[in-house]
N, C-alpha and C. Protein backbone atom coordinates (compact mmCIF):
# COMPACT_ATOMS: atom_id res chain seq x y z
N MET A 1 2.75 18.51 -13.40
CA MET A 1 3.07 17.56 -12.42
C MET A 1 3.97 16.46 -13.06
N SER A 2 3.42 15.64 -13.80
CA SER A 2 4.03 14.35 -14.31
C SER A 2 3.48 13.74 -15.49
N ASP A 3 4.21 12.92 -16.19
CA ASP A 3 3.57 12.14 -17.21
C ASP A 3 3.12 10.74 -16.66
N TYR A 4 3.36 10.56 -15.45
CA TYR A 4 2.72 9.37 -14.76
C TYR A 4 3.33 7.94 -15.17
N THR A 5 4.58 8.01 -15.75
CA THR A 5 5.19 6.76 -16.24
C THR A 5 5.37 5.80 -15.08
N PHE A 6 5.97 6.33 -14.07
CA PHE A 6 6.46 5.38 -12.82
C PHE A 6 6.73 6.22 -11.81
N HIS A 7 5.81 6.05 -10.66
CA HIS A 7 6.09 6.61 -9.44
C HIS A 7 6.08 5.73 -8.29
N ALA A 8 7.06 5.70 -7.42
CA ALA A 8 7.09 4.78 -6.24
C ALA A 8 7.16 5.59 -4.91
N GLY A 9 6.48 5.05 -3.99
CA GLY A 9 6.21 5.61 -2.69
C GLY A 9 6.18 4.57 -1.57
N GLU A 10 6.43 4.96 -0.40
CA GLU A 10 6.26 4.05 0.77
C GLU A 10 5.87 4.85 1.98
N ALA A 11 5.47 4.26 2.98
CA ALA A 11 5.10 4.89 4.24
C ALA A 11 5.03 3.84 5.35
N THR A 12 5.31 4.18 6.55
CA THR A 12 5.08 3.32 7.61
C THR A 12 4.26 4.21 8.71
N VAL A 13 3.25 3.44 9.04
CA VAL A 13 2.46 3.96 10.23
C VAL A 13 2.36 2.97 11.25
N LEU A 14 2.81 3.28 12.57
CA LEU A 14 2.95 2.31 13.57
C LEU A 14 1.52 2.05 14.22
N ALA A 15 1.45 0.85 14.77
CA ALA A 15 0.22 0.52 15.56
C ALA A 15 0.22 0.90 16.93
N ALA A 16 -0.91 0.80 17.45
CA ALA A 16 -1.01 1.11 18.91
C ALA A 16 -0.18 0.09 19.72
N ASP A 17 0.35 0.53 20.88
CA ASP A 17 1.18 -0.35 21.68
C ASP A 17 0.49 -1.73 21.88
N GLY A 18 1.22 -2.72 21.73
CA GLY A 18 0.77 -4.14 21.99
C GLY A 18 0.14 -4.87 20.71
N GLN A 19 0.03 -4.03 19.58
CA GLN A 19 -0.52 -4.60 18.41
C GLN A 19 0.58 -5.05 17.41
N TYR A 20 0.16 -5.86 16.48
CA TYR A 20 1.03 -6.23 15.38
C TYR A 20 0.51 -5.64 14.12
N THR A 21 -0.15 -4.57 14.15
CA THR A 21 -0.84 -4.04 12.99
C THR A 21 -0.14 -2.91 12.30
N ASP A 22 1.01 -2.78 12.51
CA ASP A 22 1.85 -1.67 11.75
C ASP A 22 1.58 -1.90 10.11
N ALA A 23 1.55 -0.69 9.55
CA ALA A 23 1.34 -0.79 8.07
C ALA A 23 2.54 -0.28 7.29
N MET A 24 2.96 -0.84 6.29
CA MET A 24 4.27 -0.36 5.63
C MET A 24 3.89 -0.72 3.99
N PRO A 25 2.97 0.03 3.39
CA PRO A 25 2.82 -0.27 2.06
C PRO A 25 3.86 0.32 1.25
N GLU A 26 4.18 -0.38 0.10
CA GLU A 26 5.15 0.03 -1.01
C GLU A 26 4.23 0.23 -2.16
N ILE A 27 4.20 1.45 -2.78
CA ILE A 27 3.32 1.74 -3.83
C ILE A 27 4.01 2.00 -5.12
N LEU A 28 3.39 1.55 -6.13
CA LEU A 28 3.77 1.89 -7.67
C LEU A 28 2.58 2.51 -8.26
N ILE A 29 2.76 3.63 -8.92
CA ILE A 29 1.60 4.31 -9.48
C ILE A 29 2.19 4.59 -10.99
N GLY A 30 1.40 4.30 -11.88
CA GLY A 30 1.75 4.64 -13.32
C GLY A 30 0.65 4.42 -14.26
N ARG A 31 0.87 4.80 -15.54
CA ARG A 31 -0.09 4.55 -16.61
C ARG A 31 -0.29 3.22 -16.82
N THR A 32 -1.57 2.81 -17.38
CA THR A 32 -1.86 1.54 -17.62
C THR A 32 -1.22 1.01 -18.82
N ASP A 33 -0.74 1.95 -19.83
CA ASP A 33 -0.03 1.63 -20.84
C ASP A 33 1.51 1.74 -20.78
N GLY A 34 2.02 1.74 -19.58
CA GLY A 34 3.40 1.84 -19.25
C GLY A 34 3.95 0.72 -18.51
N PRO A 35 5.12 0.77 -17.95
CA PRO A 35 5.71 -0.19 -17.13
C PRO A 35 4.81 -0.75 -15.89
N VAL A 36 4.26 0.25 -15.24
CA VAL A 36 3.41 -0.20 -14.05
C VAL A 36 2.12 -0.99 -14.54
N GLY A 37 1.61 -0.49 -15.63
CA GLY A 37 0.49 -1.24 -16.18
C GLY A 37 0.91 -2.63 -16.71
N GLN A 38 2.00 -2.86 -17.17
CA GLN A 38 2.51 -4.17 -17.51
C GLN A 38 2.79 -5.06 -16.19
N ALA A 39 3.32 -4.42 -15.19
CA ALA A 39 3.61 -5.27 -14.00
C ALA A 39 2.18 -5.57 -13.36
N PHE A 40 1.22 -4.62 -13.39
CA PHE A 40 -0.20 -4.82 -12.89
C PHE A 40 -0.83 -5.92 -13.61
N ALA A 41 -0.72 -6.01 -14.83
CA ALA A 41 -1.30 -7.14 -15.63
C ALA A 41 -0.66 -8.39 -15.34
N ASN A 42 0.63 -8.47 -15.09
CA ASN A 42 1.38 -9.74 -14.77
C ASN A 42 0.96 -10.25 -13.35
N LEU A 43 0.55 -9.38 -12.51
CA LEU A 43 0.15 -9.81 -11.14
C LEU A 43 -1.17 -10.62 -11.22
N MET A 44 -1.90 -10.62 -12.36
CA MET A 44 -3.07 -11.41 -12.42
C MET A 44 -2.76 -12.92 -12.48
N ALA A 45 -1.58 -13.29 -12.60
CA ALA A 45 -1.05 -14.71 -12.43
C ALA A 45 -0.84 -14.78 -11.03
N GLN A 46 -1.51 -15.74 -10.28
CA GLN A 46 -1.33 -15.86 -8.78
C GLN A 46 -0.19 -16.82 -8.54
N SER A 47 0.49 -16.55 -7.32
CA SER A 47 1.54 -17.37 -6.82
C SER A 47 1.14 -17.78 -5.49
N LYS A 48 1.39 -19.08 -5.08
CA LYS A 48 1.05 -19.59 -3.74
C LYS A 48 1.57 -18.76 -2.64
N GLY A 49 0.52 -18.38 -1.75
CA GLY A 49 0.87 -17.66 -0.50
C GLY A 49 0.82 -16.16 -0.81
N HIS A 50 0.94 -15.77 -2.08
CA HIS A 50 0.97 -14.21 -2.28
C HIS A 50 -0.10 -13.92 -3.38
N THR A 51 -1.31 -14.32 -3.03
CA THR A 51 -2.45 -14.11 -3.85
C THR A 51 -2.69 -12.52 -4.00
N ALA A 52 -2.74 -12.11 -5.20
CA ALA A 52 -2.98 -10.63 -5.41
C ALA A 52 -4.60 -10.43 -5.49
N MET A 53 -4.98 -9.21 -5.18
CA MET A 53 -6.43 -8.98 -5.29
C MET A 53 -6.73 -7.41 -5.51
N PHE A 54 -7.72 -7.15 -6.21
CA PHE A 54 -8.16 -5.82 -6.51
C PHE A 54 -8.55 -5.22 -5.21
N ALA A 55 -8.37 -3.94 -5.04
CA ALA A 55 -8.88 -3.15 -3.86
C ALA A 55 -10.34 -2.80 -4.40
N ILE A 56 -11.26 -3.24 -3.57
CA ILE A 56 -12.61 -2.90 -3.67
C ILE A 56 -13.10 -2.35 -2.36
N ARG A 57 -14.13 -1.30 -2.52
CA ARG A 57 -14.75 -0.80 -1.33
C ARG A 57 -15.84 -1.65 -0.87
N ALA A 58 -16.57 -2.31 -1.76
CA ALA A 58 -17.56 -3.36 -1.51
C ALA A 58 -17.71 -4.19 -2.67
N CYS A 59 -18.52 -5.22 -2.75
CA CYS A 59 -18.85 -5.88 -3.95
C CYS A 59 -19.29 -4.90 -5.09
N ASN A 60 -18.72 -5.19 -6.21
CA ASN A 60 -19.09 -4.34 -7.37
C ASN A 60 -18.66 -2.82 -7.27
N GLN A 61 -17.62 -2.68 -6.36
CA GLN A 61 -17.11 -1.24 -6.23
C GLN A 61 -15.57 -1.24 -6.23
N LEU A 62 -15.06 -1.73 -7.46
CA LEU A 62 -13.68 -1.66 -7.72
C LEU A 62 -13.21 -0.05 -7.69
N VAL A 63 -12.15 0.22 -7.06
CA VAL A 63 -11.69 1.58 -7.04
C VAL A 63 -10.98 1.92 -8.22
N ARG A 64 -10.94 3.24 -8.52
CA ARG A 64 -10.19 3.84 -9.65
C ARG A 64 -9.21 4.87 -8.99
N PRO A 65 -7.93 4.84 -9.46
CA PRO A 65 -7.37 3.85 -10.39
C PRO A 65 -7.39 2.55 -9.84
N ALA A 66 -7.47 1.60 -10.78
CA ALA A 66 -7.59 0.13 -10.28
C ALA A 66 -6.26 -0.15 -9.52
N THR A 67 -6.58 -0.74 -8.48
CA THR A 67 -5.42 -1.04 -7.38
C THR A 67 -5.38 -2.42 -7.11
N MET A 68 -4.07 -2.97 -7.20
CA MET A 68 -3.87 -4.39 -6.89
C MET A 68 -3.08 -4.35 -5.66
N LEU A 69 -3.54 -5.35 -4.74
CA LEU A 69 -2.84 -5.54 -3.46
C LEU A 69 -2.08 -6.74 -3.40
N VAL A 70 -0.84 -6.70 -3.00
CA VAL A 70 -0.08 -8.07 -2.99
C VAL A 70 0.59 -8.03 -1.66
N PRO A 71 0.36 -9.32 -0.93
CA PRO A 71 1.08 -9.46 0.42
C PRO A 71 2.56 -9.56 0.30
N LYS A 72 3.23 -8.87 1.20
CA LYS A 72 4.79 -8.96 1.16
C LYS A 72 5.34 -10.26 1.80
N VAL A 73 4.41 -10.90 2.61
CA VAL A 73 4.82 -12.25 3.31
C VAL A 73 3.78 -13.21 2.86
N THR A 74 4.20 -14.49 2.94
CA THR A 74 3.40 -15.57 2.63
C THR A 74 2.15 -15.65 3.50
N LEU A 75 0.98 -15.59 3.00
CA LEU A 75 -0.22 -15.73 4.01
C LEU A 75 -0.57 -17.30 4.07
N LYS A 76 -0.35 -17.95 5.23
CA LYS A 76 -0.35 -19.31 5.41
C LYS A 76 -1.70 -19.86 5.97
N ASP A 77 -2.39 -18.85 6.43
CA ASP A 77 -3.76 -19.44 7.11
C ASP A 77 -4.91 -18.54 6.75
N SER A 78 -6.04 -19.08 6.93
CA SER A 78 -7.23 -18.27 6.55
C SER A 78 -7.44 -17.15 7.39
N ALA A 79 -7.00 -17.03 8.69
CA ALA A 79 -7.16 -15.92 9.51
C ALA A 79 -6.47 -14.66 8.92
N ASN A 80 -5.19 -14.90 8.44
CA ASN A 80 -4.48 -13.72 7.97
C ASN A 80 -4.92 -13.40 6.52
N ILE A 81 -5.34 -14.39 5.76
CA ILE A 81 -6.04 -14.09 4.40
C ILE A 81 -7.26 -13.20 4.65
N GLU A 82 -8.03 -13.60 5.60
CA GLU A 82 -9.29 -12.76 5.92
C GLU A 82 -8.94 -11.38 6.25
N LEU A 83 -7.92 -11.17 6.93
CA LEU A 83 -7.51 -9.76 7.34
C LEU A 83 -6.99 -9.04 5.94
N PHE A 84 -6.29 -9.79 5.17
CA PHE A 84 -5.85 -9.22 3.84
C PHE A 84 -7.02 -8.74 2.97
N GLY A 85 -7.94 -9.73 2.99
CA GLY A 85 -9.11 -9.46 1.96
C GLY A 85 -10.27 -8.73 2.67
N GLY A 86 -10.08 -8.28 3.87
CA GLY A 86 -11.05 -7.52 4.64
C GLY A 86 -10.60 -6.24 5.08
N VAL A 87 -9.88 -6.23 6.25
CA VAL A 87 -9.56 -4.90 6.73
C VAL A 87 -8.53 -4.21 5.85
N VAL A 88 -7.54 -4.78 5.37
CA VAL A 88 -6.43 -4.21 4.69
C VAL A 88 -6.94 -3.77 3.20
N GLN A 89 -7.69 -4.61 2.71
CA GLN A 89 -8.39 -4.31 1.44
C GLN A 89 -9.25 -3.05 1.44
N SER A 90 -10.04 -3.11 2.57
CA SER A 90 -11.00 -1.95 2.72
C SER A 90 -10.29 -0.60 3.01
N ALA A 91 -9.27 -0.69 3.85
CA ALA A 91 -8.49 0.45 4.13
C ALA A 91 -7.82 1.03 2.87
N THR A 92 -7.22 0.12 2.25
CA THR A 92 -6.51 0.57 0.96
C THR A 92 -7.49 1.12 -0.14
N ALA A 93 -8.62 0.58 -0.30
CA ALA A 93 -9.59 1.02 -1.12
C ALA A 93 -10.14 2.48 -0.71
N ASP A 94 -10.37 2.71 0.60
CA ASP A 94 -10.78 3.97 1.12
C ASP A 94 -9.85 5.03 0.85
N ALA A 95 -8.54 4.61 1.10
CA ALA A 95 -7.44 5.49 0.89
C ALA A 95 -7.26 6.10 -0.62
N VAL A 96 -7.43 5.04 -1.45
CA VAL A 96 -7.32 5.46 -2.97
C VAL A 96 -8.51 6.50 -3.14
N VAL A 97 -9.76 6.14 -2.88
CA VAL A 97 -10.89 7.00 -3.08
C VAL A 97 -10.75 8.26 -2.55
N ASP A 98 -10.25 8.47 -1.32
CA ASP A 98 -10.00 9.73 -0.60
C ASP A 98 -8.86 10.53 -1.30
N CYS A 99 -7.92 9.76 -1.81
CA CYS A 99 -6.86 10.53 -2.62
C CYS A 99 -7.47 11.28 -3.84
N LEU A 100 -8.47 10.50 -4.51
CA LEU A 100 -9.17 11.07 -5.58
C LEU A 100 -9.97 12.33 -5.17
N ILE A 101 -10.78 12.16 -4.05
CA ILE A 101 -11.57 13.28 -3.41
C ILE A 101 -10.69 14.46 -3.15
N GLU A 102 -9.51 14.25 -2.53
CA GLU A 102 -8.67 15.38 -2.12
C GLU A 102 -7.71 15.86 -3.31
N GLY A 103 -7.89 15.37 -4.53
CA GLY A 103 -7.02 15.81 -5.60
C GLY A 103 -5.59 15.42 -5.59
N VAL A 104 -5.19 14.44 -4.78
CA VAL A 104 -3.87 13.90 -4.78
C VAL A 104 -3.72 13.11 -6.08
N ILE A 105 -4.69 12.42 -6.44
CA ILE A 105 -4.68 11.68 -7.76
C ILE A 105 -5.77 12.46 -8.47
N PRO A 106 -5.38 13.05 -9.54
CA PRO A 106 -6.37 13.76 -10.51
C PRO A 106 -7.48 12.95 -11.01
N LYS A 107 -8.65 13.32 -10.91
CA LYS A 107 -9.92 12.47 -11.40
C LYS A 107 -9.68 12.17 -12.93
N THR A 108 -9.10 13.24 -13.58
CA THR A 108 -9.01 13.04 -15.06
C THR A 108 -8.15 11.92 -15.44
N GLU A 109 -7.18 11.43 -14.48
CA GLU A 109 -6.20 10.38 -14.68
C GLU A 109 -6.65 9.00 -14.16
N ALA A 110 -7.76 9.00 -13.42
CA ALA A 110 -8.17 7.88 -12.66
C ALA A 110 -8.30 6.61 -13.49
N ASN A 111 -8.73 6.69 -14.75
CA ASN A 111 -8.91 5.47 -15.56
C ASN A 111 -7.54 5.27 -16.44
N ARG A 112 -6.71 6.15 -16.37
CA ARG A 112 -5.39 5.84 -17.22
C ARG A 112 -4.25 5.45 -16.33
N LEU A 113 -4.50 5.45 -14.96
CA LEU A 113 -3.60 5.02 -13.98
C LEU A 113 -3.94 3.60 -13.39
N CYS A 114 -2.93 3.03 -12.76
CA CYS A 114 -3.04 1.86 -11.98
C CYS A 114 -2.01 1.94 -10.77
N ILE A 115 -2.45 1.23 -9.67
CA ILE A 115 -1.63 1.21 -8.59
C ILE A 115 -1.38 -0.36 -8.10
N ILE A 116 -0.14 -0.53 -7.79
CA ILE A 116 0.27 -1.80 -7.07
C ILE A 116 0.67 -1.38 -5.65
N SER A 117 0.08 -2.03 -4.74
CA SER A 117 0.37 -1.87 -3.37
C SER A 117 0.79 -3.17 -2.65
N LEU A 118 2.16 -3.15 -2.27
CA LEU A 118 2.62 -4.30 -1.52
C LEU A 118 2.40 -3.95 -0.06
N VAL A 119 1.69 -4.98 0.51
CA VAL A 119 1.24 -4.66 1.96
C VAL A 119 1.78 -5.62 2.83
N TRP A 120 2.04 -5.16 4.19
CA TRP A 120 2.65 -6.01 5.23
C TRP A 120 1.48 -6.47 6.06
N ILE A 121 1.44 -7.75 6.37
CA ILE A 121 0.57 -8.23 7.50
C ILE A 121 1.53 -9.16 8.31
N ASP A 122 1.80 -8.77 9.57
CA ASP A 122 2.61 -9.40 10.44
C ASP A 122 1.91 -10.80 10.74
N PRO A 123 2.72 -11.85 10.44
CA PRO A 123 2.07 -13.16 10.73
C PRO A 123 1.46 -13.47 12.00
N ARG A 124 1.93 -12.75 13.10
CA ARG A 124 1.40 -12.85 14.43
C ARG A 124 0.08 -12.06 14.60
N CYS A 125 -0.27 -11.28 13.64
CA CYS A 125 -1.43 -10.38 13.78
C CYS A 125 -2.82 -11.08 14.06
N ALA A 126 -3.13 -12.07 13.15
CA ALA A 126 -4.44 -12.74 13.24
C ALA A 126 -4.72 -13.42 14.37
N THR A 127 -3.57 -14.08 15.00
CA THR A 127 -3.79 -14.91 16.17
C THR A 127 -3.56 -14.13 17.54
N HIS A 128 -3.22 -12.78 17.30
CA HIS A 128 -3.05 -12.15 18.59
C HIS A 128 -4.45 -11.87 19.33
N ALA A 129 -4.30 -12.19 20.67
CA ALA A 129 -5.60 -12.23 21.52
C ALA A 129 -6.24 -10.97 21.56
N GLU A 130 -5.54 -9.84 21.31
CA GLU A 130 -6.13 -8.48 21.51
C GLU A 130 -6.08 -7.73 20.22
N LEU A 131 -6.20 -8.44 19.08
CA LEU A 131 -6.17 -7.80 17.70
C LEU A 131 -7.19 -6.68 17.65
N ASP A 132 -6.87 -5.57 17.25
CA ASP A 132 -7.69 -4.42 17.10
C ASP A 132 -7.77 -4.04 15.65
N LYS A 133 -8.89 -4.53 15.00
CA LYS A 133 -9.15 -4.41 13.57
C LYS A 133 -9.25 -2.82 13.20
N LYS A 134 -9.82 -2.15 14.03
CA LYS A 134 -9.90 -0.73 13.81
C LYS A 134 -8.61 0.01 13.80
N ASP A 135 -7.60 -0.48 14.52
CA ASP A 135 -6.24 -0.01 14.50
C ASP A 135 -5.50 -0.40 13.20
N MET A 136 -5.88 -1.64 12.90
CA MET A 136 -5.28 -2.10 11.62
C MET A 136 -5.84 -1.29 10.47
N TYR A 137 -7.07 -1.09 10.42
CA TYR A 137 -7.66 -0.27 9.35
C TYR A 137 -7.01 1.13 9.45
N ARG A 138 -6.81 1.76 10.50
CA ARG A 138 -6.27 3.13 10.62
C ARG A 138 -4.89 3.12 10.08
N THR A 139 -4.07 2.11 10.41
CA THR A 139 -2.63 2.15 10.05
C THR A 139 -2.59 1.94 8.58
N ASN A 140 -3.32 1.02 8.02
CA ASN A 140 -3.26 0.89 6.59
C ASN A 140 -3.80 1.95 5.75
N TYR A 141 -4.89 2.57 6.27
CA TYR A 141 -5.43 3.72 5.61
C TYR A 141 -4.49 4.91 5.60
N GLU A 142 -4.05 5.26 6.59
CA GLU A 142 -3.13 6.39 6.75
C GLU A 142 -1.74 6.15 5.98
N ALA A 143 -1.24 4.95 6.07
CA ALA A 143 0.04 4.72 5.40
C ALA A 143 -0.19 4.67 3.81
N THR A 144 -1.44 4.15 3.37
CA THR A 144 -1.52 4.02 2.07
C THR A 144 -1.83 5.43 1.49
N LYS A 145 -2.52 6.32 2.13
CA LYS A 145 -2.70 7.73 1.60
C LYS A 145 -1.38 8.43 1.58
N LEU A 146 -0.53 8.27 2.64
CA LEU A 146 0.83 8.88 2.69
C LEU A 146 1.69 8.36 1.61
N ALA A 147 1.61 7.05 1.32
CA ALA A 147 2.59 6.39 0.23
C ALA A 147 2.15 6.94 -1.15
N ILE A 148 0.87 7.12 -1.40
CA ILE A 148 0.38 7.56 -2.60
C ILE A 148 0.90 9.00 -2.74
N ARG A 149 0.62 9.80 -1.68
CA ARG A 149 1.04 11.17 -1.75
C ARG A 149 2.57 11.43 -2.08
N ARG A 150 3.32 10.55 -1.35
CA ARG A 150 4.80 10.58 -1.47
C ARG A 150 5.16 10.18 -2.93
N ALA A 151 4.47 9.14 -3.34
CA ALA A 151 4.88 8.68 -4.76
C ALA A 151 4.69 9.78 -5.78
N LEU A 152 3.60 10.47 -5.79
CA LEU A 152 3.17 11.40 -6.75
C LEU A 152 3.89 12.73 -6.52
N ALA A 153 4.50 12.85 -5.40
CA ALA A 153 5.37 14.04 -5.16
C ALA A 153 6.91 13.75 -5.27
N ASN A 154 7.14 12.49 -5.66
CA ASN A 154 8.56 12.13 -5.62
C ASN A 154 9.31 12.33 -4.40
N GLU A 155 8.71 12.04 -3.30
CA GLU A 155 9.38 12.24 -1.98
C GLU A 155 9.80 10.80 -1.46
N PRO A 156 10.92 10.82 -0.69
CA PRO A 156 11.74 12.02 -0.46
C PRO A 156 12.53 12.35 -1.64
N THR A 157 12.86 13.62 -1.65
CA THR A 157 13.65 14.16 -2.75
C THR A 157 15.15 13.64 -2.68
N VAL A 158 15.78 13.77 -3.86
CA VAL A 158 17.20 13.42 -3.84
C VAL A 158 17.92 14.30 -2.86
N ASP A 159 17.71 15.52 -2.78
CA ASP A 159 18.50 16.45 -1.84
C ASP A 159 18.22 16.10 -0.47
N GLU A 160 16.96 15.66 -0.15
CA GLU A 160 16.72 15.25 1.19
C GLU A 160 17.38 13.99 1.57
N LEU A 161 17.48 13.06 0.76
CA LEU A 161 18.14 11.81 0.97
C LEU A 161 19.64 12.06 1.20
N ILE A 162 20.18 12.92 0.36
CA ILE A 162 21.66 13.18 0.51
C ILE A 162 21.87 13.98 1.80
N ALA A 163 21.02 14.94 2.21
CA ALA A 163 21.24 15.63 3.36
C ALA A 163 21.02 14.80 4.59
N ASN A 164 20.28 13.72 4.66
CA ASN A 164 20.04 12.91 5.70
C ASN A 164 20.80 11.58 5.78
N ARG A 165 21.75 11.45 4.74
CA ARG A 165 22.61 10.21 4.61
C ARG A 165 23.30 9.75 5.85
N HIS A 166 23.85 10.61 6.71
CA HIS A 166 24.52 10.30 7.87
C HIS A 166 23.86 10.49 9.20
N THR A 167 22.65 11.01 8.94
CA THR A 167 21.88 11.36 10.31
C THR A 167 20.58 10.42 10.52
N ILE A 168 20.25 9.70 9.42
CA ILE A 168 18.98 8.96 9.64
C ILE A 168 19.37 7.45 9.29
N ARG A 169 19.14 6.50 10.33
CA ARG A 169 19.43 5.11 10.11
C ARG A 169 18.19 4.41 10.00
N HIS A 170 18.32 3.18 9.31
CA HIS A 170 17.18 2.20 9.22
C HIS A 170 16.71 1.86 10.66
N ASP A 171 15.40 1.66 10.76
CA ASP A 171 14.91 1.39 12.11
C ASP A 171 15.39 0.02 12.70
N MET A 172 15.79 -0.83 11.85
CA MET A 172 16.24 -2.24 12.30
C MET A 172 17.75 -2.13 12.31
N ASP A 173 18.39 -1.06 12.24
CA ASP A 173 19.83 -1.01 12.15
C ASP A 173 20.57 -1.23 13.47
N ASP A 174 20.91 -2.40 13.72
CA ASP A 174 21.72 -2.67 14.98
C ASP A 174 23.06 -3.05 14.66
N TRP A 175 23.56 -2.89 13.43
CA TRP A 175 24.86 -3.32 13.07
C TRP A 175 25.91 -2.22 12.87
N SER A 176 25.41 -0.97 13.02
CA SER A 176 26.47 0.03 12.83
C SER A 176 26.65 0.84 14.16
């Protein structure tokens, strides 16, 4: 498979209609003694609005590989911070453990690897009157599993990117 030096992956899973709970994790997976491990250790220094935290399933249940969550946007209020440290943290942790169970991440490598997950929380999410935390869990869980799978499979392949260069556009592309 790999020497696990540096693998990157991403995925987007869309929320139910009317929700702001789309998930778009960007994942780095690599050895703790390599560049991903160095970046992981550097994330222990906090920055205002982008507090990193470990993925835990519950108190005293840090997942393996150790996984650090970092918000992509500044979290300005306690409601969004609670979603980050609750629903998103839980979904991410469960996805990592399930990747171990399913063999996507080899159990023999679990203590030699680390994961950095940049996660998206739409700033409108926490104050949305009809926020569906179950849907937020679903989108983050599914997207994290898919991003990990893609990272370790080196997907999309270079050939796929070249083949789709002129047929697939960015979702926000309104300029071409």
